[in-house]
Structure formats: structure tokens, C-alpha cells
């Protein structure tokens, strides 16, 4: 029986679910993860072991992987490596990253002083990260091409979680999806992060950018990013100035700036429609063209 341990109310909720149904794998897995997050690794291991006994390879090996992470935290490095090796025997489904398991195995080897072995494992982990990152990028592109932007962003998130050769492209594509959904500020942050790395991305990865043009070739992608970032930055500057002018009662000046901002980034119109400080602009018939 799992006894209530207080503290985090989510822990208590999942404890209650496990006590009511001992075979509730979902509840046990979440309970184990919460315990691990609180640093209660011994208790987490008990739950992970039960999950793995109930459903071997649960979530593509995620329970084994998280078990290994708790073992690492407890300094039980040999056992941790065994857990990561078991993850790698499970066919990769995308639910549990083999790259992450391999990086973690390399960390365990380093803690054991086996630095030569760790270097080889880490090199293999980097290749796995490139493979997994590319797969998630390609899945995101499929969703983006169908204008399924929420699903696309979820796939790009998983690609970006890997440190891999095309990560900047995943950032760029996520920015474009956020922009299409009206998330202008988040898009701008992603685009700025993408610009830092896109210059060094290989042509094969640049060809997966949503702004890629066969006529320009991959070499044109960094220039497209630079122009897009410049336009979005100017648009945000105009938008912010319009906001200030509207608050000061200068509706004509605010309308002028807002019109420029929307011309550069039409997505800002949606944000302006809900901005309380633009209410006077919205109610003034002279500026009706801003809201069409």
C-alpha cells in the first residue's frame, strides 16, 4: 500500500489513484516522475520497477529511462547503465529518445572514470540526436504543410529538444507556425534564436526550412531569415509606438504606426483587435480600415 506523503497535491492525488487501483500504470508512472522531480529517488524507483513489471517497455522505454536517471542521481552508475541499455533494446517509436538514453549512458561511464568508452558512446548519441531531431522536424513540416500548426509546433518542440545539426531550422519553422497562429512575440523569439545558428547549418538541413526556395537554393535561407527578422522587429517597434501614442490620445499617430506594423506583419491585427488601449481607434470610423 502506498501511504499518503503530503506535500505536493499531485503526488497525493496519484498516490490515491494507485492505492485504489494498484495496476493503474499511468498513475504509477506519473507518481514515479513526480517523486523523482522532488528528489525522492528511492521511492521513485519502487514505482518505476512496478511500472516496468506491469508493462515491460512502457511508453517506448520511458519508465526504464527515468529509472536510469534516478539511479544516476543516487550514484548507482552501473545499474543506471543497465537501465539505459535496456531502453536501447526497445524499438524506437518516438516515445522515448534513444539519443537521450545514450547521452545518459555516456554520463554514467564518465562518472565511473571510463572516459575513453564515454567518448565513443557520446559520439554515437550525437548521431542518434541528429536522426531523431530530423525525424521530428520532418513530421512538423508535414503538419505545417497541412496548416495543422498546433501539431507542427509540438513536433518542432521535440526536434528542438535535441542538440543536433538542424536545430536552427526547427526553430525557424516553429517561428513561422507561431507567426501564422498570431503568436507574434513567441515567433520573434524563435526567429532570433534561429538566426544565431542558421548560418552554420548544412545545406541538406536548410532545404527542410519552410522558407526554402528551390530557386534560391539552401544558401538563400539565412538571407530570408535576416529579412524576415528585420521586418518583424520593425513591425513590433511600430506596434509598440502605436500603443504608446494611443495611450497618450494621439489617435492619428497611433493609426499611422499601427498601419505600418500590420503591413509588415498582418498577424498583429489580431493582437490589436483585443488590445484595450486601441479601443478608441476601433470605435473611430476614420480608422475602420485597420480592422478589416
Protein backbone atom coordinates (compact mmCIF):
# COMPACT_ATOMS: atom_id res chain seq x y z
CA UNK A 1 0.00 0.00 0.00
CA UNK A 2 1.23 3.49 -0.87
CA UNK A 3 0.85 5.81 2.12
CA UNK A 4 -0.02 9.50 1.72
CA UNK A 5 3.16 11.54 1.95
CA UNK A 6 1.73 15.09 1.97
CA UNK A 7 3.46 17.94 0.19
CA UNK A 8 2.70 18.19 -3.50
CA UNK A 9 -1.03 17.74 -4.02
CA UNK A 10 -0.39 15.97 -7.33
CA UNK A 11 1.72 13.37 -5.53
CA UNK A 12 -1.16 12.80 -3.11
CA UNK A 13 -3.64 12.52 -5.98
CA UNK A 14 -1.61 9.90 -7.82
CA UNK A 15 -0.91 8.05 -4.57
CA UNK A 16 -4.66 7.82 -4.05
CA UNK A 17 -5.15 6.56 -7.60
CA UNK A 18 -2.51 3.86 -7.13
CA UNK A 19 -3.94 2.81 -3.80
CA UNK A 20 -7.39 2.47 -5.36
CA UNK A 21 -6.07 0.57 -8.40
CA UNK A 22 -2.59 -0.98 -7.93
CA UNK A 23 -2.44 -1.90 -11.62
CA UNK A 24 -3.00 1.67 -12.80
CA UNK A 25 0.20 2.02 -14.80
CA UNK A 26 -0.48 5.59 -15.89
CA UNK A 27 -0.90 6.72 -12.26
CA UNK A 28 2.20 4.84 -11.09
CA UNK A 29 4.32 6.29 -13.90
CA UNK A 30 3.24 9.84 -13.10
CA UNK A 31 3.71 9.27 -9.39
CA UNK A 32 7.23 7.98 -10.02
CA UNK A 33 8.10 11.02 -12.14
CA UNK A 34 6.77 13.42 -9.51
CA UNK A 35 8.73 11.68 -6.76
CA UNK A 36 11.89 11.86 -8.87
CA UNK A 37 11.30 15.56 -9.53
CA UNK A 38 11.17 16.10 -5.76
CA UNK A 39 14.47 14.23 -5.33
CA UNK A 40 12.79 11.21 -3.69
CA UNK A 41 14.59 8.77 -5.96
CA UNK A 42 14.43 5.66 -3.79
CA UNK A 43 10.64 5.93 -3.66
CA UNK A 44 10.55 6.74 -7.37
CA UNK A 45 12.50 3.57 -8.14
CA UNK A 46 9.90 1.47 -6.36
CA UNK A 47 7.22 2.90 -8.62
CA UNK A 48 9.29 2.64 -11.81
CA UNK A 49 10.05 -1.02 -11.01
CA UNK A 50 6.34 -1.73 -10.56
CA UNK A 51 5.51 0.03 -13.85
CA UNK A 52 8.14 -1.99 -15.70
CA UNK A 53 6.84 -5.20 -14.15
CA UNK A 54 3.26 -4.40 -15.16
CA UNK A 55 4.07 -3.24 -18.71
CA UNK A 56 7.62 -4.06 -19.88
CA UNK A 57 8.90 -1.26 -22.13
CA UNK A 58 6.15 1.13 -21.04
CA UNK A 59 5.96 4.26 -23.21
CA UNK A 60 8.70 3.00 -25.51
CA UNK A 61 11.09 2.60 -22.59
CA UNK A 62 10.37 5.89 -20.82
CA UNK A 63 9.90 4.17 -17.45
CA UNK A 64 13.25 2.41 -17.88
CA UNK A 65 14.92 5.65 -18.94
CA UNK A 66 13.54 7.59 -15.97
CA UNK A 67 14.55 4.72 -13.69
CA UNK A 68 18.08 5.10 -15.02
CA UNK A 69 18.02 8.82 -14.34
CA UNK A 70 17.05 8.18 -10.70
CA UNK A 71 19.84 5.62 -10.41
CA UNK A 72 22.28 8.20 -11.78
CA UNK A 73 21.12 10.69 -9.17
CA UNK A 74 21.72 8.07 -6.46
CA UNK A 75 25.25 7.35 -7.73
CA UNK A 76 24.37 3.79 -8.80
CA UNK A 77 26.09 4.18 -12.14
CA UNK A 78 26.45 0.53 -13.20
CA UNK A 79 22.75 -0.09 -12.60
CA UNK A 80 21.92 3.12 -14.44
CA UNK A 81 23.87 1.97 -17.49
CA UNK A 82 21.99 -1.32 -17.47
CA UNK A 83 18.69 0.59 -17.47
CA UNK A 84 19.78 2.75 -20.41
CA UNK A 85 20.97 -0.32 -22.31
CA UNK A 86 17.54 -1.88 -21.84
CA UNK A 87 15.95 1.24 -23.35
CA UNK A 88 18.11 0.78 -26.42
CA UNK A 89 16.84 -2.78 -26.95
CA UNK A 90 13.29 -1.45 -27.41
CA UNK A 91 12.42 -0.44 -30.99
CA UNK A 92 12.41 3.34 -31.26
CA UNK A 93 8.87 4.73 -31.56
CA UNK A 94 9.48 8.39 -30.71
CA UNK A 95 8.03 8.00 -27.22
CA UNK A 96 11.42 7.66 -25.54
CA UNK A 97 14.54 9.19 -27.04
CA UNK A 98 17.34 6.72 -27.72
CA UNK A 99 19.65 9.70 -28.10
CA UNK A 100 18.86 10.85 -24.56
CA UNK A 101 19.37 7.33 -23.21
CA UNK A 102 22.74 7.10 -24.95
CA UNK A 103 23.86 10.52 -23.69
CA UNK A 104 22.86 9.42 -20.18
CA UNK A 105 24.82 6.20 -20.58
CA UNK A 106 27.86 8.28 -21.56
CA UNK A 107 27.38 10.36 -18.40
CA UNK A 108 27.34 7.18 -16.28
CA UNK A 109 30.55 5.98 -17.93
CA UNK A 110 32.21 9.32 -17.19
CA UNK A 111 31.20 9.08 -13.53
CA UNK A 112 32.85 5.66 -13.45
CA UNK A 113 36.05 7.13 -14.88
CA UNK A 114 35.67 5.25 -18.19
CA UNK A 115 36.28 8.36 -20.28
CA UNK A 116 37.50 6.57 -23.41
CA UNK A 117 34.35 4.45 -23.57
CA UNK A 118 32.24 7.51 -22.79
CA UNK A 119 33.64 9.42 -25.79
CA UNK A 120 32.62 6.66 -28.18
CA UNK A 121 29.14 6.42 -26.67
CA UNK A 122 28.72 10.19 -26.76
CA UNK A 123 29.66 10.30 -30.45
CA UNK A 124 27.01 7.67 -31.13
CA UNK A 125 24.50 9.69 -29.09
CA UNK A 126 25.16 12.75 -31.24
CA UNK A 127 24.36 10.78 -34.38
CA UNK A 128 21.16 9.47 -32.81
CA UNK A 129 20.23 13.04 -31.85
CA UNK A 130 20.72 14.13 -35.46
CA UNK A 131 18.50 11.29 -36.66
CA UNK A 132 15.72 11.88 -34.11
CA UNK A 133 15.84 15.66 -34.45
CA UNK A 134 15.50 15.36 -38.24
CA UNK A 135 12.57 12.93 -37.95
CA UNK A 136 10.65 15.32 -35.69
CA UNK A 137 11.49 18.23 -38.00
CA UNK A 138 10.12 16.34 -40.99
CA UNK A 139 6.97 15.39 -39.08
CA UNK A 140 6.49 19.02 -38.12
CA UNK A 141 6.82 20.03 -41.77
CA UNK A 142 4.09 17.56 -42.77
CA UNK A 143 1.73 19.12 -40.23
CA UNK A 144 2.74 22.66 -41.21
CA UNK A 145 2.08 21.97 -44.89
CA UNK A 146 -1.47 20.96 -43.91
CA UNK A 147 -1.77 24.12 -41.76
CA UNK A 148 -2.02 21.94 -38.64
CA UNK A 149 0.07 24.44 -36.76
CA UNK A 150 -0.54 23.17 -33.22
CA UNK A 151 0.60 19.67 -34.16
CA UNK A 152 3.51 21.11 -36.13
CA UNK A 153 4.70 23.13 -33.13
CA UNK A 154 4.50 20.02 -30.91
CA UNK A 155 6.76 18.14 -33.35
CA UNK A 156 9.18 21.06 -33.65
CA UNK A 157 9.34 21.21 -29.83
CA UNK A 158 10.62 17.63 -29.81
CA UNK A 159 13.13 18.38 -32.56
CA UNK A 160 14.40 21.46 -30.71
CA UNK A 161 14.80 19.42 -27.51
CA UNK A 162 17.71 17.69 -29.25
CA UNK A 163 21.04 19.42 -29.77
CA UNK A 164 21.54 18.49 -33.41
CA UNK A 165 22.74 19.83 -36.75
CA UNK A 166 19.38 21.15 -37.95
CA UNK A 167 18.05 22.56 -34.70
CA UNK A 168 18.09 26.13 -36.05
CA UNK A 169 15.78 25.05 -38.88
CA UNK A 170 13.32 23.58 -36.38
CA UNK A 171 13.40 26.91 -34.51
CA UNK A 172 12.80 28.81 -37.73
CA UNK A 173 9.88 26.60 -38.74
CA UNK A 174 8.35 26.80 -35.27
CA UNK A 175 8.61 30.59 -35.51
CA UNK A 176 6.72 30.59 -38.81
CA UNK A 177 3.96 28.41 -37.33
CA UNK A 178 3.65 30.64 -34.28
CA UNK A 179 3.51 33.68 -36.55
CA UNK A 180 0.76 32.06 -38.63
CA UNK A 181 -1.23 31.48 -35.43
CA UNK A 182 -0.81 35.08 -34.31
CA UNK A 183 1.79 34.34 -31.62
CA UNK A 184 3.98 37.20 -32.77
CA UNK A 185 6.20 37.64 -29.72
CA UNK A 186 6.95 33.91 -29.44
CA UNK A 187 7.66 33.78 -33.16
CA UNK A 188 10.10 36.67 -32.90
CA UNK A 189 11.98 34.98 -30.03
CA UNK A 190 12.28 31.72 -32.02
CA UNK A 191 13.42 33.59 -35.10
CA UNK A 192 16.12 35.40 -33.15
CA UNK A 193 17.34 32.06 -31.75
CA UNK A 194 17.28 30.53 -35.22
CA UNK A 195 19.34 33.31 -36.75
CA UNK A 196 22.21 32.57 -34.37
CA UNK A 197 22.64 29.04 -35.72
CA UNK A 198 21.26 29.04 -39.24
CA UNK A 199 24.50 30.28 -40.82
CA UNK A 200 26.27 27.06 -39.85
CA UNK A 201 23.51 24.61 -40.82
CA UNK A 202 24.32 22.17 -43.61
CA UNK A 203 22.51 22.65 -46.96
CA UNK A 204 20.69 19.31 -46.54
CA UNK A 205 19.06 20.61 -43.36
CA UNK A 206 18.39 24.10 -44.75
CA UNK A 207 16.37 22.50 -47.54
CA UNK A 208 13.85 21.49 -44.84
CA UNK A 209 13.19 25.11 -43.90
CA UNK A 210 9.64 26.25 -44.63
CA UNK A 211 11.09 29.33 -46.34
CA UNK A 212 13.32 27.22 -48.59
CA UNK A 213 13.11 28.03 -52.27
CA UNK A 214 14.46 25.70 -54.93
CA UNK A 215 15.33 28.78 -57.00
CA UNK A 216 17.37 30.40 -54.25
CA UNK A 217 18.92 27.19 -53.01
CA UNK A 218 19.78 26.48 -49.36
CA UNK A 219 22.27 29.36 -49.33
CA UNK A 220 19.35 31.77 -49.56
CA UNK A 221 17.71 30.67 -46.33
CA UNK A 222 19.91 32.76 -43.97
CA UNK A 223 19.15 35.86 -46.07
CA UNK A 224 15.41 35.13 -45.89
CA UNK A 225 15.68 34.76 -42.12
CA UNK A 226 17.56 38.05 -41.85
CA UNK A 227 14.94 39.91 -43.90
CA UNK A 228 12.07 38.30 -42.02
CA UNK A 229 13.61 39.14 -38.65
CA UNK A 230 14.26 42.74 -39.72
CA UNK A 231 10.66 43.17 -40.89
CA UNK A 232 9.21 41.62 -37.74
CA UNK A 233 11.44 43.74 -35.50
CA UNK A 234 10.40 46.95 -37.25
CA UNK A 235 6.75 45.83 -37.12
CA UNK A 236 6.97 45.31 -33.37
CA UNK A 237 8.65 48.71 -32.91
CA UNK A 238 5.82 50.38 -34.86
CA UNK A 239 3.21 48.42 -32.90
CA UNK A 240 4.71 49.42 -29.56
CA UNK A 241 4.89 53.07 -30.64
CA UNK A 242 1.25 52.91 -31.74
CA UNK A 243 0.39 51.54 -28.32
CA UNK A 244 2.12 54.49 -26.58
CA UNK A 245 0.56 57.07 -28.90
CA UNK A 246 -2.90 55.61 -28.36
CA UNK A 247 -2.48 55.83 -24.59
CA UNK A 248 -1.49 59.49 -25.00
CA UNK A 249 -4.60 60.17 -27.09
CA UNK A 250 -2.74 60.69 -30.37
CA UNK A 251 -5.08 58.54 -32.45
CA UNK A 252 -3.84 59.75 -35.83
CA UNK A 253 -0.23 58.92 -34.94
CA UNK A 254 -1.24 55.60 -33.41
CA UNK A 255 -3.18 54.67 -36.54
CA UNK A 256 -0.23 55.56 -38.76
CA UNK A 257 2.15 53.37 -36.76
CA UNK A 258 -0.33 50.52 -36.43
CA UNK A 259 -1.00 50.58 -40.17
CA UNK A 260 2.73 50.25 -40.87
CA UNK A 261 3.04 47.43 -38.32
CA UNK A 262 0.16 45.49 -39.86
CA UNK A 263 1.51 45.98 -43.38
CA UNK A 264 4.78 44.39 -42.26
CA UNK A 265 3.15 41.69 -40.11
CA UNK A 266 -0.59 41.13 -40.73
CA UNK A 267 -0.70 38.80 -37.71
CA UNK A 268 -0.52 41.88 -35.46
CA UNK A 269 -4.03 42.88 -36.50
CA UNK A 270 -5.47 40.08 -34.38
CA UNK A 271 -3.48 41.22 -31.36
CA UNK A 272 -4.52 44.83 -31.90
CA UNK A 273 -8.19 43.82 -32.02
CA UNK A 274 -8.02 42.70 -28.39
CA UNK A 275 -5.70 45.42 -27.06
CA UNK A 276 -7.69 47.61 -24.66
CA UNK A 277 -5.58 50.70 -25.39
CA UNK A 278 -6.64 50.56 -29.05
CA UNK A 279 -10.33 50.69 -28.13
CA UNK A 280 -10.66 54.34 -29.14
CA UNK A 281 -9.11 53.52 -32.53
CA UNK A 282 -11.53 50.63 -33.02
CA UNK A 283 -14.53 52.85 -32.23
CA UNK A 284 -13.43 55.70 -34.53
CA UNK A 285 -14.82 55.24 -38.03
CA UNK A 286 -11.87 57.10 -39.56
CA UNK A 287 -9.65 54.10 -38.83
CA UNK A 288 -12.03 51.29 -39.85
CA UNK A 289 -9.53 50.06 -42.47
CA UNK A 290 -7.24 48.86 -39.65
CA UNK A 291 -9.67 46.17 -38.57
CA UNK A 292 -10.78 44.75 -41.90
